[in-house]
């Protein structure tokens, strides 16, 4: 690949098209990269104890 960890890149397709971020991880076997703060998922957690509120994490 012609990019490396730490490079700043711009997303050119998909839901996050046009966003800019820094590469944090590279997968050479399928030519993909992980870009910081792009395509984050949210996960909802139930409260574990009574009276404690649930949480939404990214």
C-alpha atoms as a PDB file:
ATOM      1  CA  UNK A   1       0.000   0.000   0.000  1.00  0.00           C
ATOM      2  CA  UNK A   2       1.090   3.558  -0.576  1.00  0.00           C
ATOM      3  CA  UNK A   3      -0.173   4.826   2.813  1.00  0.00           C
ATOM      4  CA  UNK A   4       1.151   4.223   6.310  1.00  0.00           C
ATOM      5  CA  UNK A   5       0.030   4.630   9.920  1.00  0.00           C
ATOM      6  CA  UNK A   6      -0.130   8.302  10.862  1.00  0.00           C
ATOM      7  CA  UNK A   7      -1.021   9.576   7.378  1.00  0.00           C
ATOM      8  CA  UNK A   8      -3.994  11.925   7.084  1.00  0.00           C
ATOM      9  CA  UNK A   9      -6.525  10.726   4.515  1.00  0.00           C
ATOM     10  CA  UNK A  10      -9.896  11.794   3.092  1.00  0.00           C
ATOM     11  CA  UNK A  11     -12.722   9.253   2.699  1.00  0.00           C
ATOM     12  CA  UNK A  12     -13.842   9.157  -0.950  1.00  0.00           C
ATOM     13  CA  UNK A  13     -16.848   6.820  -0.778  1.00  0.00           C
ATOM     14  CA  UNK A  14     -19.505   5.504   1.580  1.00  0.00           C
ATOM     15  CA  UNK A  15     -21.517   7.045   4.369  1.00  0.00           C
ATOM     16  CA  UNK A  16     -18.536   9.046   5.677  1.00  0.00           C
ATOM     17  CA  UNK A  17     -17.533  10.480   2.277  1.00  0.00           C
ATOM     18  CA  UNK A  18     -15.610  13.741   2.549  1.00  0.00           C
ATOM     19  CA  UNK A  19     -14.446  13.284   6.140  1.00  0.00           C
ATOM     20  CA  UNK A  20     -10.760  13.561   7.000  1.00  0.00           C
ATOM     21  CA  UNK A  21      -8.933  11.451   9.573  1.00  0.00           C
ATOM     22  CA  UNK A  22      -5.663   9.809  10.544  1.00  0.00           C
ATOM     23  CA  UNK A  23      -4.859   6.158   9.763  1.00  0.00           C
ATOM     24  CA  UNK A  24      -4.522   4.091  12.946  1.00  0.00           C
ATOM     25  CA  UNK A  25      -4.287   0.534  11.564  1.00  0.00           C
ATOM     26  CA  UNK A  26      -3.601  -1.124   8.195  1.00  0.00           C
ATOM     27  CA  UNK A  27      -4.795  -4.572   7.045  1.00  0.00           C
ATOM     28  CA  UNK A  28      -2.552  -5.571   4.127  1.00  0.00           C
ATOM     29  CA  UNK A  29      -4.301  -8.908   3.457  1.00  0.00           C
ATOM     30  CA  UNK A  30      -7.496  -7.186   2.254  1.00  0.00           C
ATOM     31  CA  UNK A  31      -6.123  -3.662   1.543  1.00  0.00           C
ATOM     32  CA  UNK A  32      -8.222  -1.804   4.115  1.00  0.00           C
ATOM     33  CA  UNK A  33      -7.381   0.741   6.795  1.00  0.00           C
ATOM     34  CA  UNK A  34      -8.900   1.967  10.052  1.00  0.00           C
ATOM     35  CA  UNK A  35      -9.291   5.751  10.197  1.00  0.00           C
ATOM     36  CA  UNK A  36      -9.540   7.494  13.575  1.00  0.00           C
ATOM     37  CA  UNK A  37     -13.043   8.830  14.474  1.00  0.00           C
ATOM     38  CA  UNK A  38     -14.629   7.580  11.214  1.00  0.00           C
ATOM     39  CA  UNK A  39     -17.456   5.007  11.001  1.00  0.00           C
ATOM     40  CA  UNK A  40     -17.883   4.647  14.766  1.00  0.00           C
ATOM     41  CA  UNK A  41     -20.610   2.358  16.082  1.00  0.00           C
ATOM     42  CA  UNK A  42     -22.688   2.987  19.202  1.00  0.00           C
ATOM     43  CA  UNK A  43     -23.458   0.263  21.735  1.00  0.00           C
ATOM     44  CA  UNK A  44     -26.151   0.452  24.410  1.00  0.00           C
ATOM     45  CA  UNK A  45     -25.426  -1.063  27.837  1.00  0.00           C
ATOM     46  CA  UNK A  46     -28.099  -1.985  30.377  1.00  0.00           C
ATOM     47  CA  UNK A  47     -27.672  -0.903  33.968  1.00  0.00           C
ATOM     48  CA  UNK A  48     -26.069  -3.578  36.135  1.00  0.00           C
ATOM     49  CA  UNK A  49     -27.444  -2.444  39.473  1.00  0.00           C
ATOM     50  CA  UNK A  50     -30.806  -1.028  40.397  1.00  0.00           C
ATOM     51  CA  UNK A  51     -30.776   2.758  40.373  1.00  0.00           C
ATOM     52  CA  UNK A  52     -27.758   2.938  38.060  1.00  0.00           C
ATOM     53  CA  UNK A  53     -28.525   4.388  34.611  1.00  0.00           C
ATOM     54  CA  UNK A  54     -27.656   2.593  31.381  1.00  0.00           C
ATOM     55  CA  UNK A  55     -24.944   3.884  29.042  1.00  0.00           C
ATOM     56  CA  UNK A  56     -24.396   4.551  25.363  1.00  0.00           C
ATOM     57  CA  UNK A  57     -20.769   4.008  24.290  1.00  0.00           C
ATOM     58  CA  UNK A  58     -18.969   4.594  20.988  1.00  0.00           C
END
